[in-house]
Structure formats: C-alpha cells, structure tokens
Amino acid sequence: MNKEFIKKMIKAETLKYEAIKEILPEKVRKRVDDIEKEAFSLIKDIAIYMIQEEKDEKEEKKTTKKVEVDFS
C-alpha cells in the first residue's frame, strides 16, 4: 500500500477517536483518559523489559568462559 495513504488513514482514525471522546460525558472521558494512561504505562514497561532482556542476551554471548585443559 501507499505509505501516504496509510499515514492518512491512521490520522483519520485518530481524529475519529478524538471526536468520539469529545462527545462523551465528563466522567466517562476522565475514565477513558485514565485507562489510556495506564495502558501506555504498561506498554512502556513491557518495551523497556524487552529491550533490557535483549541487551542481557547480547552481553551473555560476549562473555568468555574459562576452560581448563588437562594435558596428562
């Protein structure tokens, strides 16, 4: 698909979502905002965890192990 088309479709969906949020009652909108913040925080924590895990795996591969050789 055309890259510009995809960008415009994402922008349209974002605007549609924001418009729906605007017509919600204040209590519901506040609750939706809180859920969004919690979801964003969770996604951020997961991303940080995955990056850290990947970094640890790369560091494990770089370490050298001491090997004892018996010449008898």
PDB file of N, CA and C in Angstrom:
ATOM      1  N   MET A   1       0.834  -1.194   0.000  1.00  0.00           N
ATOM      2  CA  MET A   1       0.000   0.000   0.000  1.00  0.00           C
ATOM      3  C   MET A   1       0.873   1.250   0.000  1.00  0.00           C
ATOM      4  N   ASN A   2       0.290   2.306  -0.448  1.00  0.00           N
ATOM      5  CA  ASN A   2       0.982   3.573  -0.492  1.00  0.00           C
ATOM      6  C   ASN A   2       1.222   4.085   0.926  1.00  0.00           C
ATOM      7  N   LYS A   3       2.438   4.505   1.186  1.00  0.00           N
ATOM      8  CA  LYS A   3       2.814   4.967   2.527  1.00  0.00           C
ATOM      9  C   LYS A   3       1.989   6.184   2.954  1.00  0.00           C
ATOM     10  N   GLU A   4       1.766   7.097   2.048  1.00  0.00           N
ATOM     11  CA  GLU A   4       0.978   8.299   2.360  1.00  0.00           C
ATOM     12  C   GLU A   4      -0.461   7.938   2.700  1.00  0.00           C
ATOM     13  N   PHE A   5      -1.020   6.976   1.973  1.00  0.00           N
ATOM     14  CA  PHE A   5      -2.387   6.533   2.232  1.00  0.00           C
ATOM     15  C   PHE A   5      -2.505   5.971   3.640  1.00  0.00           C
ATOM     16  N   ILE A   6      -1.553   5.157   4.025  1.00  0.00           N
ATOM     17  CA  ILE A   6      -1.573   4.560   5.366  1.00  0.00           C
ATOM     18  C   ILE A   6      -1.478   5.643   6.434  1.00  0.00           C
ATOM     19  N   LYS A   7      -0.592   6.617   6.223  1.00  0.00           N
ATOM     20  CA  LYS A   7      -0.459   7.716   7.193  1.00  0.00           C
ATOM     21  C   LYS A   7      -1.772   8.481   7.341  1.00  0.00           C
ATOM     22  N   LYS A   8      -2.425   8.755   6.210  1.00  0.00           N
ATOM     23  CA  LYS A   8      -3.685   9.498   6.249  1.00  0.00           C
ATOM     24  C   LYS A   8      -4.791   8.689   6.912  1.00  0.00           C
ATOM     25  N   MET A   9      -4.821   7.388   6.686  1.00  0.00           N
ATOM     26  CA  MET A   9      -5.831   6.533   7.322  1.00  0.00           C
ATOM     27  C   MET A   9      -5.631   6.492   8.839  1.00  0.00           C
ATOM     28  N   ILE A  10      -4.386   6.406   9.269  1.00  0.00           N
ATOM     29  CA  ILE A  10      -4.103   6.417  10.711  1.00  0.00           C
ATOM     30  C   ILE A  10      -4.512   7.750  11.307  1.00  0.00           C
ATOM     31  N   LYS A  11      -4.210   8.839  10.611  1.00  0.00           N
ATOM     32  CA  LYS A  11      -4.590  10.173  11.086  1.00  0.00           C
ATOM     33  C   LYS A  11      -6.111  10.296  11.170  1.00  0.00           C
ATOM     34  N   ALA A  12      -6.824   9.766  10.172  1.00  0.00           N
ATOM     35  CA  ALA A  12      -8.289   9.824  10.167  1.00  0.00           C
ATOM     36  C   ALA A  12      -8.866   9.050  11.347  1.00  0.00           C
ATOM     37  N   GLU A  13      -8.323   7.875  11.625  1.00  0.00           N
ATOM     38  CA  GLU A  13      -8.801   7.079  12.759  1.00  0.00           C
ATOM     39  C   GLU A  13      -8.512   7.787  14.079  1.00  0.00           C
ATOM     40  N   THR A  14      -7.364   8.439  14.170  1.00  0.00           N
ATOM     41  CA  THR A  14      -7.022   9.194  15.380  1.00  0.00           C
ATOM     42  C   THR A  14      -8.010  10.328  15.598  1.00  0.00           C
ATOM     43  N   LEU A  15      -8.311  11.061  14.532  1.00  0.00           N
ATOM     44  CA  LEU A  15      -9.261  12.168  14.643  1.00  0.00           C
ATOM     45  C   LEU A  15     -10.659  11.664  14.990  1.00  0.00           C
ATOM     46  N   LYS A  16     -11.045  10.536  14.417  1.00  0.00           N
ATOM     47  CA  LYS A  16     -12.347   9.946  14.718  1.00  0.00           C
ATOM     48  C   LYS A  16     -12.427   9.570  16.197  1.00  0.00           C
ATOM     49  N   TYR A  17     -11.367   8.977  16.712  1.00  0.00           N
ATOM     50  CA  TYR A  17     -11.313   8.591  18.126  1.00  0.00           C
ATOM     51  C   TYR A  17     -11.413   9.817  19.033  1.00  0.00           C
ATOM     52  N   GLU A  18     -10.670  10.867  18.684  1.00  0.00           N
ATOM     53  CA  GLU A  18     -10.709  12.098  19.482  1.00  0.00           C
ATOM     54  C   GLU A  18     -12.096  12.734  19.444  1.00  0.00           C
ATOM     55  N   ALA A  19     -12.750  12.690  18.291  1.00  0.00           N
ATOM     56  CA  ALA A  19     -14.098  13.260  18.171  1.00  0.00           C
ATOM     57  C   ALA A  19     -15.087  12.494  19.042  1.00  0.00           C
ATOM     58  N   ILE A  20     -14.975  11.184  19.048  1.00  0.00           N
ATOM     59  CA  ILE A  20     -15.860  10.373  19.895  1.00  0.00           C
ATOM     60  C   ILE A  20     -15.615  10.692  21.363  1.00  0.00           C
ATOM     61  N   LYS A  21     -14.354  10.857  21.744  1.00  0.00           N
ATOM     62  CA  LYS A  21     -14.040  11.187  23.135  1.00  0.00           C
ATOM     63  C   LYS A  21     -14.641  12.533  23.541  1.00  0.00           C
ATOM     64  N   GLU A  22     -14.675  13.470  22.615  1.00  0.00           N
ATOM     65  CA  GLU A  22     -15.198  14.803  22.919  1.00  0.00           C
ATOM     66  C   GLU A  22     -16.684  14.786  23.248  1.00  0.00           C
ATOM     67  N   ILE A  23     -17.442  13.870  22.659  1.00  0.00           N
ATOM     68  CA  ILE A  23     -18.883  13.857  22.919  1.00  0.00           C
ATOM     69  C   ILE A  23     -19.253  12.993  24.128  1.00  0.00           C
ATOM     70  N   LEU A  24     -18.254  12.337  24.718  1.00  0.00           N
ATOM     71  CA  LEU A  24     -18.523  11.528  25.908  1.00  0.00           C
ATOM     72  C   LEU A  24     -18.789  12.429  27.111  1.00  0.00           C
ATOM     73  N   PRO A  25     -19.570  11.957  28.061  1.00  0.00           N
ATOM     74  CA  PRO A  25     -19.748  12.710  29.309  1.00  0.00           C
ATOM     75  C   PRO A  25     -18.405  12.851  30.036  1.00  0.00           C
ATOM     76  N   GLU A  26     -18.299  13.879  30.845  1.00  0.00           N
ATOM     77  CA  GLU A  26     -17.030  14.202  31.509  1.00  0.00           C
ATOM     78  C   GLU A  26     -16.485  13.034  32.339  1.00  0.00           C
ATOM     79  N   LYS A  27     -17.360  12.368  33.092  1.00  0.00           N
ATOM     80  CA  LYS A  27     -16.915  11.250  33.932  1.00  0.00           C
ATOM     81  C   LYS A  27     -16.335  10.117  33.085  1.00  0.00           C
ATOM     82  N   VAL A  28     -17.025   9.806  32.011  1.00  0.00           N
ATOM     83  CA  VAL A  28     -16.581   8.715  31.140  1.00  0.00           C
ATOM     84  C   VAL A  28     -15.274   9.096  30.455  1.00  0.00           C
ATOM     85  N   ARG A  29     -15.167  10.342  30.006  1.00  0.00           N
ATOM     86  CA  ARG A  29     -13.950  10.809  29.347  1.00  0.00           C
ATOM     87  C   ARG A  29     -12.761  10.725  30.298  1.00  0.00           C
ATOM     88  N   LYS A  30     -12.982  11.116  31.555  1.00  0.00           N
ATOM     89  CA  LYS A  30     -11.906  11.049  32.555  1.00  0.00           C
ATOM     90  C   LYS A  30     -11.466   9.603  32.754  1.00  0.00           C
ATOM     91  N   ARG A  31     -12.442   8.715  32.801  1.00  0.00           N
ATOM     92  CA  ARG A  31     -12.128   7.297  32.991  1.00  0.00           C
ATOM     93  C   ARG A  31     -11.359   6.743  31.792  1.00  0.00           C
ATOM     94  N   VAL A  32     -11.766   7.121  30.594  1.00  0.00           N
ATOM     95  CA  VAL A  32     -11.066   6.680  29.384  1.00  0.00           C
ATOM     96  C   VAL A  32      -9.635   7.211  29.383  1.00  0.00           C
ATOM     97  N   ASP A  33      -9.451   8.466  29.772  1.00  0.00           N
ATOM     98  CA  ASP A  33      -8.110   9.040  29.845  1.00  0.00           C
ATOM     99  C   ASP A  33      -7.237   8.282  30.840  1.00  0.00           C
ATOM    100  N   ASP A  34      -7.804   7.931  31.986  1.00  0.00           N
ATOM    101  CA  ASP A  34      -7.051   7.176  32.988  1.00  0.00           C
ATOM    102  C   ASP A  34      -6.652   5.799  32.456  1.00  0.00           C
ATOM    103  N   ILE A  35      -7.580   5.148  31.769  1.00  0.00           N
ATOM    104  CA  ILE A  35      -7.281   3.835  31.190  1.00  0.00           C
ATOM    105  C   ILE A  35      -6.181   3.960  30.138  1.00  0.00           C
ATOM    106  N   GLU A  36      -6.237   5.016  29.327  1.00  0.00           N
ATOM    107  CA  GLU A  36      -5.200   5.245  28.318  1.00  0.00           C
ATOM    108  C   GLU A  36      -3.837   5.418  28.973  1.00  0.00           C
ATOM    109  N   LYS A  37      -3.787   6.207  30.048  1.00  0.00           N
ATOM    110  CA  LYS A  37      -2.516   6.430  30.745  1.00  0.00           C
ATOM    111  C   LYS A  37      -1.965   5.127  31.311  1.00  0.00           C
ATOM    112  N   GLU A  38      -2.832   4.316  31.913  1.00  0.00           N
ATOM    113  CA  GLU A  38      -2.396   3.037  32.464  1.00  0.00           C
ATOM    114  C   GLU A  38      -1.903   2.106  31.362  1.00  0.00           C
ATOM    115  N   ALA A  39      -2.622   2.077  30.252  1.00  0.00           N
ATOM    116  CA  ALA A  39      -2.230   1.215  29.131  1.00  0.00           C
ATOM    117  C   ALA A  39      -0.890   1.664  28.554  1.00  0.00           C
ATOM    118  N   PHE A  40      -0.708   2.972  28.410  1.00  0.00           N
ATOM    119  CA  PHE A  40       0.553   3.490  27.887  1.00  0.00           C
ATOM    120  C   PHE A  40       1.699   3.146  28.826  1.00  0.00           C
ATOM    121  N   SER A  41       1.470   3.287  30.118  1.00  0.00           N
ATOM    122  CA  SER A  41       2.497   2.959  31.103  1.00  0.00           C
ATOM    123  C   SER A  41       2.862   1.477  31.031  1.00  0.00           C
ATOM    124  N   LEU A  42       1.858   0.629  30.899  1.00  0.00           N
ATOM    125  CA  LEU A  42       2.095  -0.810  30.798  1.00  0.00           C
ATOM    126  C   LEU A  42       2.894  -1.145  29.542  1.00  0.00           C
ATOM    127  N   ILE A  43       2.517  -0.557  28.425  1.00  0.00           N
ATOM    128  CA  ILE A  43       3.226  -0.812  27.164  1.00  0.00           C
ATOM    129  C   ILE A  43       4.669  -0.335  27.264  1.00  0.00           C
ATOM    130  N   LYS A  44       4.870   0.820  27.895  1.00  0.00           N
ATOM    131  CA  LYS A  44       6.219   1.351  28.070  1.00  0.00           C
ATOM    132  C   LYS A  44       7.060   0.407  28.926  1.00  0.00           C
ATOM    133  N   ASP A  45       6.489  -0.097  30.020  1.00  0.00           N
ATOM    134  CA  ASP A  45       7.207  -1.027  30.891  1.00  0.00           C
ATOM    135  C   ASP A  45       7.568  -2.313  30.153  1.00  0.00           C
ATOM    136  N   ILE A  46       6.637  -2.812  29.344  1.00  0.00           N
ATOM    137  CA  ILE A  46       6.901  -4.032  28.574  1.00  0.00           C
ATOM    138  C   ILE A  46       8.025  -3.791  27.570  1.00  0.00           C
ATOM    139  N   ALA A  47       7.995  -2.649  26.896  1.00  0.00           N
ATOM    140  CA  ALA A  47       9.034  -2.335  25.914  1.00  0.00           C
ATOM    141  C   ALA A  47      10.399  -2.236  26.585  1.00  0.00           C
ATOM    142  N   ILE A  48      10.458  -1.572  27.731  1.00  0.00           N
ATOM    143  CA  ILE A  48      11.725  -1.445  28.453  1.00  0.00           C
ATOM    144  C   ILE A  48      12.226  -2.819  28.877  1.00  0.00           C
ATOM    145  N   TYR A  49      11.322  -3.666  29.359  1.00  0.00           N
ATOM    146  CA  TYR A  49      11.697  -5.015  29.779  1.00  0.00           C
ATOM    147  C   TYR A  49      12.252  -5.811  28.600  1.00  0.00           C
ATOM    148  N   MET A  50      11.589  -5.717  27.449  1.00  0.00           N
ATOM    149  CA  MET A  50      12.037  -6.469  26.278  1.00  0.00           C
ATOM    150  C   MET A  50      13.397  -5.979  25.793  1.00  0.00           C
ATOM    151  N   ILE A  51      13.608  -4.673  25.803  1.00  0.00           N
ATOM    152  CA  ILE A  51      14.897  -4.121  25.380  1.00  0.00           C
ATOM    153  C   ILE A  51      15.991  -4.567  26.336  1.00  0.00           C
ATOM    154  N   GLN A  52      15.712  -4.514  27.637  1.00  0.00           N
ATOM    155  CA  GLN A  52      16.694  -4.929  28.633  1.00  0.00           C
ATOM    156  C   GLN A  52      17.023  -6.413  28.478  1.00  0.00           C
ATOM    157  N   GLU A  53      16.007  -7.234  28.241  1.00  0.00           N
ATOM    158  CA  GLU A  53      16.209  -8.673  28.064  1.00  0.00           C
ATOM    159  C   GLU A  53      17.077  -8.944  26.840  1.00  0.00           C
ATOM    160  N   GLU A  54      16.816  -8.230  25.761  1.00  0.00           N
ATOM    161  CA  GLU A  54      17.599  -8.393  24.541  1.00  0.00           C
ATOM    162  C   GLU A  54      19.046  -7.970  24.774  1.00  0.00           C
ATOM    163  N   LYS A  55      19.238  -6.896  25.519  1.00  0.00           N
ATOM    164  CA  LYS A  55      20.576  -6.403  25.830  1.00  0.00           C
ATOM    165  C   LYS A  55      21.329  -7.424  26.675  1.00  0.00           C
ATOM    166  N   ASP A  56      20.650  -8.015  27.650  1.00  0.00           N
ATOM    167  CA  ASP A  56      21.276  -9.022  28.505  1.00  0.00           C
ATOM    168  C   ASP A  56      21.697 -10.248  27.697  1.00  0.00           C
ATOM    169  N   GLU A  57      20.869 -10.660  26.737  1.00  0.00           N
ATOM    170  CA  GLU A  57      21.208 -11.806  25.896  1.00  0.00           C
ATOM    171  C   GLU A  57      22.456 -11.521  25.067  1.00  0.00           C
ATOM    172  N   LYS A  58      22.582 -10.315  24.554  1.00  0.00           N
ATOM    173  CA  LYS A  58      23.756  -9.959  23.768  1.00  0.00           C
ATOM    174  C   LYS A  58      24.998  -9.959  24.642  1.00  0.00           C
ATOM    175  N   GLU A  59      24.879  -9.473  25.884  1.00  0.00           N
ATOM    176  CA  GLU A  59      26.020  -9.446  26.790  1.00  0.00           C
ATOM    177  C   GLU A  59      26.439 -10.856  27.181  1.00  0.00           C
ATOM    178  N   GLU A  60      25.487 -11.767  27.336  1.00  0.00           N
ATOM    179  CA  GLU A  60      25.811 -13.152  27.668  1.00  0.00           C
ATOM    180  C   GLU A  60      26.630 -13.794  26.559  1.00  0.00           C
ATOM    181  N   LYS A  61      26.318 -13.486  25.335  1.00  0.00           N
ATOM    182  CA  LYS A  61      27.030 -14.071  24.209  1.00  0.00           C
ATOM    183  C   LYS A  61      28.462 -13.547  24.127  1.00  0.00           C
ATOM    184  N   LYS A  62      28.717 -12.358  24.630  1.00  0.00           N
ATOM    185  CA  LYS A  62      30.034 -11.751  24.542  1.00  0.00           C
ATOM    186  C   LYS A  62      30.982 -12.233  25.636  1.00  0.00           C
ATOM    187  N   THR A  63      30.469 -12.801  26.701  1.00  0.00           N
ATOM    188  CA  THR A  63      31.333 -13.209  27.803  1.00  0.00           C
ATOM    189  C   THR A  63      32.137 -14.440  27.412  1.00  0.00           C
ATOM    190  N   THR A  64      33.340 -14.509  27.944  1.00  0.00           N
ATOM    191  CA  THR A  64      34.191 -15.666  27.703  1.00  0.00           C
ATOM    192  C   THR A  64      34.180 -16.546  28.938  1.00  0.00           C
ATOM    193  N   LYS A  65      34.329 -17.822  28.705  1.00  0.00           N
ATOM    194  CA  LYS A  65      34.320 -18.775  29.805  1.00  0.00           C
ATOM    195  C   LYS A  65      35.713 -19.366  29.959  1.00  0.00           C
ATOM    196  N   LYS A  66      36.113 -19.547  31.197  1.00  0.00           N
ATOM    197  CA  LYS A  66      37.404 -20.139  31.485  1.00  0.00           C
ATOM    198  C   LYS A  66      37.287 -21.646  31.281  1.00  0.00           C
ATOM    199  N   VAL A  67      38.221 -22.183  30.513  1.00  0.00           N
ATOM    200  CA  VAL A  67      38.222 -23.609  30.218  1.00  0.00           C
ATOM    201  C   VAL A  67      39.518 -24.203  30.747  1.00  0.00           C
ATOM    202  N   GLU A  68      39.402 -25.288  31.474  1.00  0.00           N
ATOM    203  CA  GLU A  68      40.592 -25.974  31.979  1.00  0.00           C
ATOM    204  C   GLU A  68      40.906 -27.142  31.055  1.00  0.00           C
ATOM    205  N   VAL A  69      42.169 -27.241  30.674  1.00  0.00           N
ATOM    206  CA  VAL A  69      42.603 -28.300  29.772  1.00  0.00           C
ATOM    207  C   VAL A  69      43.559 -29.203  30.538  1.00  0.00           C
ATOM    208  N   ASP A  70      43.319 -30.487  30.493  1.00  0.00           N
ATOM    209  CA  ASP A  70      44.179 -31.458  31.178  1.00  0.00           C
ATOM    210  C   ASP A  70      45.078 -32.108  30.136  1.00  0.00           C
ATOM    211  N   PHE A  71      46.403 -31.885  30.236  1.00  0.00           N
ATOM    212  CA  PHE A  71      47.358 -32.405  29.265  1.00  0.00           C
ATOM    213  C   PHE A  71      47.994 -33.721  29.711  1.00  0.00           C
ATOM    214  N   SER A  72      47.433 -34.392  30.675  1.00  0.00           N
ATOM    215  CA  SER A  72      48.066 -35.630  31.148  1.00  0.00           C
ATOM    216  C   SER A  72      47.679 -36.833  30.342  1.00  0.00           C
TER     217      SER A  72
END
